[in-house]
Amino acid sequence: MADLLLVPEQRRAVWVPDAEQIVVIGWRPGPAGVSSIDLTPTLRLSVDHESPATVTDIVVAAPDGRVAEADARLLAALLGDDVTARLMTLRKPWRGRPVTLPGPPRYDELRRRESPMSRLTLAADLADDHDLEWDVRVAAASEASRLLFDHIDLLGEDLLTRIGRPLRRVSHEPMSPAMLDALLNRYRRSDDTNAAGAAFDAVSRPTVAARAAAAPAAVKRLAAVEREVTADDAIEVDASTGARARAWLDEGGNVRMNGPRSLEGDWARVFRRKGALLLGLSPLLADDSRDRTAGVDAIVVIPSGYGPEELVVDVTDDPAAPRPSPHLVELRRAVRAGRTAAHHDRLANTSQAAAAWRDCSERWRSLGDESRANAAEQFAADRRHRFRGAAAEPLVADHVWERRWPRR
């Protein structure tokens, strides 16, 4: 058969009767977490974000141990006919006992190559990362869609539609390979932070308009105020978006927040650090009179008498949701630090990557995960080697990301 869409290696598989799923088990996810893609509604592929040639798992729905014909064809393209045939034998008698799948040795040199599917998964993951600016996500969606067109007969147009959602900010019409090539070339050539230019007009989500109508007029007026955040008035942003959003206490005792445009329509919530008492909340809005690359802002009116060190801010798309636990927040930050480090690795930004890996290591260690902490520490110390494979080649989105942040 044709070349596989994943790098061949020896893996294990297990039939999970309670969930009626077959799980192909690869490597344990590293300190940057996983990148995942739902190739079909019933088949999910996950790879290590730092080393996307490394599969962490493949989960496929298998009622009574039987895989749908479309999923079986896709598994054959991903893993090979022999492996797929072995998966088809996993039925209830195994009862959760892992089975070794046929394949080359675990440390075969083939696994140091990126496969078409691993690169597609990484690009699709960045396209769906709501912590990134829209033009970064559009660049990632463009590259993922272009890669998908090479296997459209196998993967189908439904996946193309799902991956390409950020592209609606460029065109409401379906994009052809030629259009995607033109957009990617524009990103590659441009040094402008808004590479898509006038074609990159934001398409507001319906909920954003409703939230904006209910927001106080003061939010829009104060959103245009520009200032730098000093260490004395900065407030911790307690969310996975914390690396890319800033909050501070203004001269009137209110909490101001600025973040990337991708947070438009989300809510900033201010809590008292002690006791996690909610003090106020406000939607994050973009001022249409400003440059559309300037991001979003919010002002949250809170009771007087609080200092920045007594407050914590989180960002959520559901203002009624409970505040995440400190453990979950720190876990998200550890993964985010790892993803930032992996981004710098792909661009060979040695010093930035090392600093981000050290931050990642410290966060995993604070969570008690010595294995991931040590892995991140090794990545920071040794820029030439990886014990789980080489870092991925950069995506076009990585170059756009580098130009887009930090700003102001």
Protein backbone atom coordinates (compact mmCIF):
# COMPACT_ATOMS: atom_id res chain seq x y z
CA MET A 1 0.00 0.00 0.00
CA ALA A 2 1.00 3.68 -0.19
CA ASP A 3 3.21 5.30 2.44
CA LEU A 4 1.51 5.40 5.82
CA LEU A 5 0.16 8.67 7.16
CA LEU A 6 1.88 8.00 10.50
CA VAL A 7 5.43 6.95 11.24
CA PRO A 8 5.47 3.17 11.78
CA GLU A 9 6.48 1.96 15.23
CA GLN A 10 5.51 -0.70 17.71
CA ARG A 11 2.48 0.18 19.79
CA ARG A 12 -0.04 -1.48 22.04
CA ALA A 13 -3.82 -1.60 21.86
CA VAL A 14 -6.62 -2.33 24.26
CA TRP A 15 -10.36 -2.89 23.99
CA VAL A 16 -12.22 -0.81 26.61
CA PRO A 17 -15.59 -2.55 27.06
CA ASP A 18 -17.25 0.09 29.25
CA ALA A 19 -16.62 2.83 26.69
CA GLU A 20 -16.87 0.47 23.70
CA GLN A 21 -13.66 1.87 22.29
CA ILE A 22 -10.41 0.53 20.92
CA VAL A 23 -7.43 2.56 22.16
CA VAL A 24 -4.06 2.38 20.42
CA ILE A 25 -1.45 3.32 23.02
CA GLY A 26 1.73 5.15 22.07
CA TRP A 27 3.99 7.29 24.22
CA ARG A 28 3.01 9.11 27.41
CA PRO A 29 2.40 12.82 26.62
CA GLY A 30 5.34 15.09 27.39
CA PRO A 31 5.47 18.44 29.20
CA ALA A 32 3.81 20.35 26.35
CA GLY A 33 0.75 18.10 26.36
CA VAL A 34 -0.92 16.72 23.25
CA SER A 35 -2.28 17.97 19.95
CA SER A 36 -5.45 16.15 18.95
CA ILE A 37 -7.67 15.96 15.90
CA ASP A 38 -11.01 14.24 15.36
CA LEU A 39 -10.38 12.68 11.96
CA THR A 40 -13.95 11.40 11.98
CA PRO A 41 -16.72 11.78 14.58
CA THR A 42 -15.64 8.37 15.93
CA LEU A 43 -11.83 8.42 15.52
CA ARG A 44 -9.47 10.74 17.38
CA LEU A 45 -5.70 10.98 16.88
CA SER A 46 -3.45 12.56 19.53
CA VAL A 47 0.27 13.31 19.14
CA ASP A 48 2.86 14.81 21.46
CA HIS A 49 2.79 18.57 20.90
CA GLU A 50 6.56 18.99 21.33
CA SER A 51 7.35 16.02 19.09
CA PRO A 52 4.34 15.50 16.80
CA ALA A 53 5.95 12.50 15.09
CA THR A 54 5.19 10.74 18.38
CA VAL A 55 1.67 9.32 18.65
CA THR A 56 0.27 9.31 22.18
CA ASP A 57 -2.96 7.49 21.39
CA ILE A 58 -5.63 6.76 18.81
CA VAL A 59 -9.17 6.26 20.08
CA VAL A 60 -11.82 4.75 17.83
CA ALA A 61 -15.41 3.91 18.67
CA ALA A 62 -16.03 0.17 18.40
CA PRO A 63 -19.49 -0.93 19.53
CA ASP A 64 -19.14 -4.58 20.53
CA GLY A 65 -15.54 -4.40 19.36
CA ARG A 66 -16.42 -3.68 15.74
CA VAL A 67 -14.97 -0.70 13.88
CA ALA A 68 -16.96 1.18 11.22
CA GLU A 69 -15.83 0.53 7.67
CA ALA A 70 -14.80 4.16 7.09
CA ASP A 71 -12.72 4.16 10.30
CA ALA A 72 -11.12 0.84 9.32
CA ARG A 73 -9.98 2.31 5.99
CA LEU A 74 -8.53 5.30 7.79
CA LEU A 75 -6.76 3.10 10.36
CA ALA A 76 -5.20 1.12 7.50
CA ALA A 77 -3.86 4.36 6.00
CA LEU A 78 -2.55 5.50 9.39
CA LEU A 79 -1.12 2.26 10.78
CA GLY A 80 -0.99 -0.28 7.96
CA ASP A 81 -3.04 -3.31 6.99
CA ASP A 82 -1.37 -5.73 9.42
CA VAL A 83 -1.90 -3.50 12.45
CA THR A 84 -5.50 -2.78 11.43
CA ALA A 85 -6.22 -6.47 11.00
CA ARG A 86 -4.92 -7.08 14.51
CA LEU A 87 -7.14 -4.30 15.87
CA MET A 88 -10.16 -5.96 14.30
CA THR A 89 -9.58 -9.00 16.55
CA LEU A 90 -9.82 -7.01 19.78
CA ARG A 91 -13.12 -8.08 21.27
CA LYS A 92 -14.61 -8.53 24.71
CA PRO A 93 -12.51 -11.57 25.69
CA TRP A 94 -9.48 -9.32 26.05
CA ARG A 95 -11.26 -7.26 28.73
CA GLY A 96 -8.84 -4.37 28.88
CA ARG A 97 -5.62 -6.41 28.59
CA PRO A 98 -3.15 -4.53 26.32
CA VAL A 99 -2.01 -6.34 23.17
CA THR A 100 1.25 -5.61 21.35
CA LEU A 101 0.74 -4.57 17.74
CA PRO A 102 3.06 -5.56 14.91
CA GLY A 103 5.55 -2.93 13.84
CA PRO A 104 9.23 -1.99 13.65
CA PRO A 105 11.31 -1.58 16.83
CA ARG A 106 10.19 1.18 19.17
CA TYR A 107 13.31 3.25 18.60
CA ASP A 108 13.38 2.83 14.84
CA GLU A 109 14.94 5.82 13.08
CA LEU A 110 11.75 6.24 11.07
CA ARG A 111 10.08 7.77 14.11
CA ARG A 112 12.33 10.81 13.91
CA ARG A 113 10.62 11.84 10.68
CA GLU A 114 7.51 13.95 10.69
CA SER A 115 4.60 12.25 8.96
CA PRO A 116 1.92 14.03 6.91
CA MET A 117 -0.68 13.33 9.58
CA SER A 118 1.46 14.53 12.50
CA ARG A 119 2.02 17.89 10.79
CA LEU A 120 -1.66 18.17 9.91
CA THR A 121 -2.59 17.44 13.54
CA LEU A 122 -0.20 20.08 14.87
CA ALA A 123 -1.46 22.73 12.44
CA ALA A 124 -5.11 21.90 13.16
CA ASP A 125 -4.42 22.12 16.89
CA LEU A 126 -2.94 25.62 16.56
CA ALA A 127 -5.90 26.65 14.41
CA ASP A 128 -8.20 25.68 17.28
CA ASP A 129 -6.09 27.33 20.02
CA HIS A 130 -8.23 30.18 21.36
CA ASP A 131 -5.23 31.64 23.18
CA LEU A 132 -3.65 32.63 19.86
CA GLU A 133 -4.43 35.68 17.76
CA TRP A 134 -6.82 35.23 14.87
CA ASP A 135 -4.24 35.74 12.14
CA VAL A 136 -2.05 33.04 13.72
CA ARG A 137 -5.04 30.70 13.77
CA VAL A 138 -5.92 31.59 10.16
CA ALA A 139 -2.35 30.79 9.08
CA ALA A 140 -2.53 27.44 10.91
CA ALA A 141 -5.94 26.64 9.46
CA SER A 142 -4.65 27.50 5.98
CA GLU A 143 -1.71 25.13 6.30
CA ALA A 144 -3.83 22.37 7.85
CA SER A 145 -6.43 22.70 5.11
CA ARG A 146 -3.79 22.66 2.41
CA LEU A 147 -2.30 19.46 3.87
CA LEU A 148 -5.76 17.96 4.10
CA PHE A 149 -6.44 18.55 0.41
CA ASP A 150 -3.64 16.07 -0.35
CA HIS A 151 -5.73 13.35 1.36
CA ILE A 152 -9.24 14.70 0.81
CA ASP A 153 -10.54 11.43 -0.68
CA LEU A 154 -9.61 9.58 2.50
CA LEU A 155 -10.34 12.19 5.17
CA GLY A 156 -13.38 13.85 3.64
CA GLU A 157 -14.79 17.35 3.28
CA ASP A 158 -16.40 17.34 6.74
CA LEU A 159 -12.96 17.47 8.35
CA LEU A 160 -11.96 20.22 5.94
CA THR A 161 -14.97 22.26 7.07
CA ARG A 162 -14.14 21.80 10.75
CA ILE A 163 -10.44 22.60 10.39
CA GLY A 164 -11.14 25.61 8.20
CA ARG A 165 -13.47 27.47 10.55
CA PRO A 166 -10.95 30.28 11.24
CA LEU A 167 -10.72 30.82 7.47
CA ARG A 168 -14.20 32.34 7.52
CA ARG A 169 -12.45 35.48 8.70
CA VAL A 170 -10.83 35.65 5.28
CA SER A 171 -13.55 34.32 3.01
CA HIS A 172 -17.12 33.08 3.41
CA GLU A 173 -16.65 30.96 0.30
CA PRO A 174 -14.94 27.54 0.40
CA MET A 175 -11.22 27.93 -0.24
CA SER A 176 -9.53 25.98 -3.00
CA PRO A 177 -5.93 24.71 -2.85
CA ALA A 178 -4.90 27.61 -5.10
CA MET A 179 -6.51 30.15 -2.75
CA LEU A 180 -4.84 28.54 0.25
CA ASP A 181 -1.46 28.61 -1.49
CA ALA A 182 -1.95 32.32 -2.25
CA LEU A 183 -2.85 33.08 1.38
CA LEU A 184 0.08 31.08 2.74
CA ASN A 185 2.46 32.80 0.34
CA ARG A 186 1.16 36.15 1.51
CA TYR A 187 1.86 35.18 5.10
CA ARG A 188 5.37 33.99 4.17
CA ARG A 189 6.21 37.22 2.35
CA SER A 190 4.70 39.77 4.68
CA ASP A 191 6.48 41.41 7.59
CA ASP A 192 3.23 43.14 8.52
CA THR A 193 1.61 41.86 11.70
CA ASN A 194 -1.73 41.69 9.86
CA ALA A 195 -0.60 39.68 6.85
CA ALA A 196 -4.06 39.08 5.43
CA GLY A 197 -4.61 42.84 5.16
CA ALA A 198 -8.02 44.17 4.32
CA ALA A 199 -9.30 40.65 3.65
CA PHE A 200 -8.85 39.89 7.35
CA ASP A 201 -12.02 41.63 8.56
CA ALA A 202 -13.23 40.00 11.78
CA VAL A 203 -16.55 38.16 11.68
CA SER A 204 -18.19 38.66 15.06
CA ARG A 205 -19.85 35.75 16.78
CA PRO A 206 -23.59 36.36 17.34
CA THR A 207 -23.18 36.22 21.11
CA VAL A 208 -20.61 39.01 21.04
CA ALA A 209 -23.10 41.58 19.74
CA ALA A 210 -25.62 40.62 22.40
CA ARG A 211 -23.05 40.88 25.18
CA ALA A 212 -21.77 44.20 23.88
CA ALA A 213 -25.28 45.67 23.85
CA ALA A 214 -25.68 44.78 27.52
CA ALA A 215 -22.28 46.16 28.55
CA PRO A 216 -21.90 49.57 30.23
CA ALA A 217 -20.91 52.38 27.87
CA ALA A 218 -17.90 53.03 30.10
CA VAL A 219 -16.36 49.79 28.91
CA LYS A 220 -16.16 50.99 25.33
CA ARG A 221 -14.94 54.46 26.31
CA LEU A 222 -12.19 53.17 28.57
CA ALA A 223 -11.17 50.44 26.14
CA ALA A 224 -9.45 53.12 24.06
CA VAL A 225 -7.20 54.20 26.94
CA GLU A 226 -3.61 53.07 26.44
CA ARG A 227 -1.25 52.51 29.34
CA GLU A 228 1.60 50.27 30.39
CA VAL A 229 1.18 47.81 33.22
CA THR A 230 3.76 48.17 35.98
CA ALA A 231 4.78 45.48 38.42
CA ASP A 232 3.16 47.42 41.28
CA ASP A 233 -0.36 47.42 39.87
CA ALA A 234 -0.34 44.15 37.88
CA ILE A 235 -2.92 41.51 38.85
CA GLU A 236 -2.43 37.79 38.31
CA VAL A 237 -4.53 36.39 35.46
CA ASP A 238 -5.55 32.97 36.74
CA ALA A 239 -6.26 31.06 33.53
CA SER A 240 -4.56 29.23 30.68
CA THR A 241 -4.77 32.53 28.78
CA GLY A 242 -2.69 34.20 31.48
CA ALA A 243 0.47 34.23 29.36
CA ARG A 244 -1.31 36.42 26.79
CA ALA A 245 -3.68 38.58 28.81
CA ARG A 246 -2.84 41.39 31.24
CA ALA A 247 -4.81 42.83 34.14
CA TRP A 248 -4.08 45.75 36.41
CA LEU A 249 -5.69 48.06 38.98
CA ASP A 250 -6.31 51.52 37.56
CA GLU A 251 -6.19 54.84 39.42
CA GLY A 252 -9.91 54.65 40.16
CA GLY A 253 -9.60 51.28 41.89
CA ASN A 254 -11.18 49.35 39.02
CA VAL A 255 -9.67 46.33 37.27
CA ARG A 256 -8.63 46.79 33.65
CA MET A 257 -7.77 43.94 31.34
CA ASN A 258 -6.30 43.63 27.84
CA GLY A 259 -5.92 40.44 25.81
CA PRO A 260 -5.74 39.05 22.27
CA ARG A 261 -8.63 39.50 19.85
CA SER A 262 -9.41 35.79 20.11
CA LEU A 263 -10.89 36.49 23.58
CA GLU A 264 -13.58 38.78 22.16
CA GLY A 265 -16.90 37.97 23.78
CA ASP A 266 -15.35 36.07 26.70
CA TRP A 267 -15.70 37.40 30.23
CA ALA A 268 -13.14 38.75 32.69
CA ARG A 269 -14.01 37.84 36.27
CA VAL A 270 -12.32 39.35 39.32
CA PHE A 271 -12.11 37.26 42.49
CA ARG A 272 -10.83 38.04 45.94
CA ARG A 273 -7.83 35.76 46.30
CA LYS A 274 -8.78 34.76 49.85
CA GLY A 275 -11.98 32.75 49.77
CA ALA A 276 -12.45 33.04 45.99
CA LEU A 277 -15.27 35.59 46.38
CA LEU A 278 -16.49 36.96 43.04
CA LEU A 279 -16.17 40.76 43.11
CA GLY A 280 -17.17 41.65 39.57
CA LEU A 281 -17.19 40.64 35.91
CA SER A 282 -17.34 42.24 32.48
CA PRO A 283 -17.21 41.11 28.84
CA LEU A 284 -14.00 41.53 26.85
CA LEU A 285 -14.81 43.85 23.94
CA ALA A 286 -13.02 45.20 20.90
CA ASP A 287 -13.32 48.87 20.03
CA ASP A 288 -14.17 49.10 16.32
CA SER A 289 -12.53 52.52 16.13
CA ARG A 290 -9.13 50.99 16.92
CA ASP A 291 -6.78 48.92 14.80
CA ARG A 292 -8.27 45.44 14.68
CA THR A 293 -4.93 43.96 15.78
CA ALA A 294 -5.07 45.87 19.07
CA GLY A 295 -6.93 43.18 20.99
CA VAL A 296 -9.82 43.38 23.45
CA ASP A 297 -10.33 45.21 26.74
CA ALA A 298 -12.56 45.10 29.79
CA ILE A 299 -13.10 47.22 32.87
CA VAL A 300 -14.50 45.55 35.96
CA VAL A 301 -15.92 47.74 38.72
CA ILE A 302 -15.14 46.21 42.12
CA PRO A 303 -15.60 47.33 45.73
CA SER A 304 -12.95 49.74 46.93
CA GLY A 305 -10.12 48.89 49.29
CA TYR A 306 -8.43 46.00 47.46
CA GLY A 307 -4.79 45.92 46.39
CA PRO A 308 -3.53 44.04 43.31
CA GLU A 309 -1.99 41.32 45.47
CA GLU A 310 -5.44 40.56 46.96
CA LEU A 311 -7.08 39.96 43.57
CA VAL A 312 -7.01 37.34 40.84
CA VAL A 313 -8.63 37.49 37.39
CA ASP A 314 -9.80 34.63 35.21
CA VAL A 315 -11.17 34.47 31.66
CA THR A 316 -14.14 32.32 30.72
CA ASP A 317 -16.72 31.96 27.96
CA ASP A 318 -19.31 31.03 30.62
CA PRO A 319 -19.58 33.66 33.38
CA ALA A 320 -21.75 31.32 35.48
CA ALA A 321 -19.15 28.54 35.52
CA PRO A 322 -17.35 27.88 38.80
CA ARG A 323 -13.79 29.08 39.09
CA PRO A 324 -11.30 26.31 38.16
CA SER A 325 -9.30 24.77 40.96
CA PRO A 326 -5.75 26.06 41.58
CA HIS A 327 -4.39 22.64 40.55
CA LEU A 328 -6.19 22.77 37.19
CA VAL A 329 -5.05 26.35 36.59
CA GLU A 330 -1.42 25.42 37.27
CA LEU A 331 -1.69 22.35 35.04
CA ARG A 332 -2.99 24.53 32.20
CA ARG A 333 -0.11 26.94 32.75
CA ALA A 334 2.43 24.13 32.69
CA VAL A 335 1.08 22.90 29.37
CA ARG A 336 0.90 26.45 28.00
CA ALA A 337 4.52 27.06 28.96
CA GLY A 338 5.44 23.83 27.18
CA ARG A 339 3.53 24.83 24.05
CA THR A 340 5.27 28.21 24.03
CA ALA A 341 8.63 26.46 24.40
CA ALA A 342 7.79 24.06 21.56
CA HIS A 343 6.91 27.06 19.36
CA HIS A 344 10.34 28.58 20.01
CA ASP A 345 11.96 25.17 19.42
CA ARG A 346 10.35 24.94 15.99
CA LEU A 347 11.83 28.34 15.12
CA ALA A 348 15.21 27.46 16.68
CA ASN A 349 14.89 30.38 19.12
CA THR A 350 17.35 28.79 21.52
CA SER A 351 17.32 31.24 24.44
CA GLN A 352 13.54 31.78 24.40
CA ALA A 353 12.92 28.04 24.18
CA ALA A 354 15.25 27.32 27.10
CA ALA A 355 13.57 29.95 29.28
CA ALA A 356 10.10 28.63 28.49
CA TRP A 357 11.16 25.01 29.15
CA ARG A 358 12.57 26.04 32.54
CA ASP A 359 9.29 27.75 33.41
CA CYS A 360 7.45 24.63 32.24
CA SER A 361 9.70 22.41 34.35
CA GLU A 362 9.10 24.46 37.49
CA ARG A 363 5.35 24.32 37.00
CA TRP A 364 5.27 20.54 36.50
CA ARG A 365 7.47 20.12 39.56
CA SER A 366 5.07 22.23 41.64
CA LEU A 367 2.35 19.80 40.53
CA GLY A 368 4.40 16.83 41.71
CA ASP A 369 5.03 15.47 38.21
CA GLU A 370 8.78 14.84 38.35
CA SER A 371 8.83 12.93 35.06
CA ARG A 372 7.51 15.83 32.97
CA ALA A 373 9.49 18.34 35.03
CA ASN A 374 12.71 16.45 34.31
CA ALA A 375 11.85 16.15 30.62
CA ALA A 376 11.28 19.90 30.32
CA GLU A 377 14.49 20.54 32.23
CA GLN A 378 16.38 18.30 29.83
CA PHE A 379 14.89 20.12 26.86
CA ALA A 380 16.05 23.42 28.36
CA ALA A 381 19.57 22.14 29.00
CA ASP A 382 20.21 20.31 25.72
CA ARG A 383 19.23 22.18 22.58
CA ARG A 384 20.69 19.60 20.17
CA HIS A 385 18.95 16.37 21.08
CA ARG A 386 15.60 15.00 22.16
CA PHE A 387 15.17 11.70 23.90
CA ARG A 388 11.80 11.34 22.12
CA GLY A 389 12.63 12.62 18.67
CA ALA A 390 13.58 15.90 17.01
CA ALA A 391 11.48 19.03 17.32
CA ALA A 392 9.04 19.64 14.49
CA GLU A 393 9.76 21.86 11.52
CA PRO A 394 8.16 25.31 11.89
CA LEU A 395 4.71 26.03 10.55
CA VAL A 396 3.79 29.22 8.74
CA ALA A 397 1.71 30.00 11.84
CA ASP A 398 4.86 29.94 13.98
CA HIS A 399 6.36 32.77 11.93
CA VAL A 400 3.11 34.77 12.15
CA TRP A 401 2.96 34.11 15.90
CA GLU A 402 6.51 35.42 16.29
CA ARG A 403 5.57 38.72 14.61
CA ARG A 404 2.26 39.10 16.44
CA TRP A 405 3.27 38.82 20.11
CA PRO A 406 4.35 40.58 22.23
CA ARG A 407 3.05 43.92 21.07
CA ARG A 408 2.48 47.34 22.66
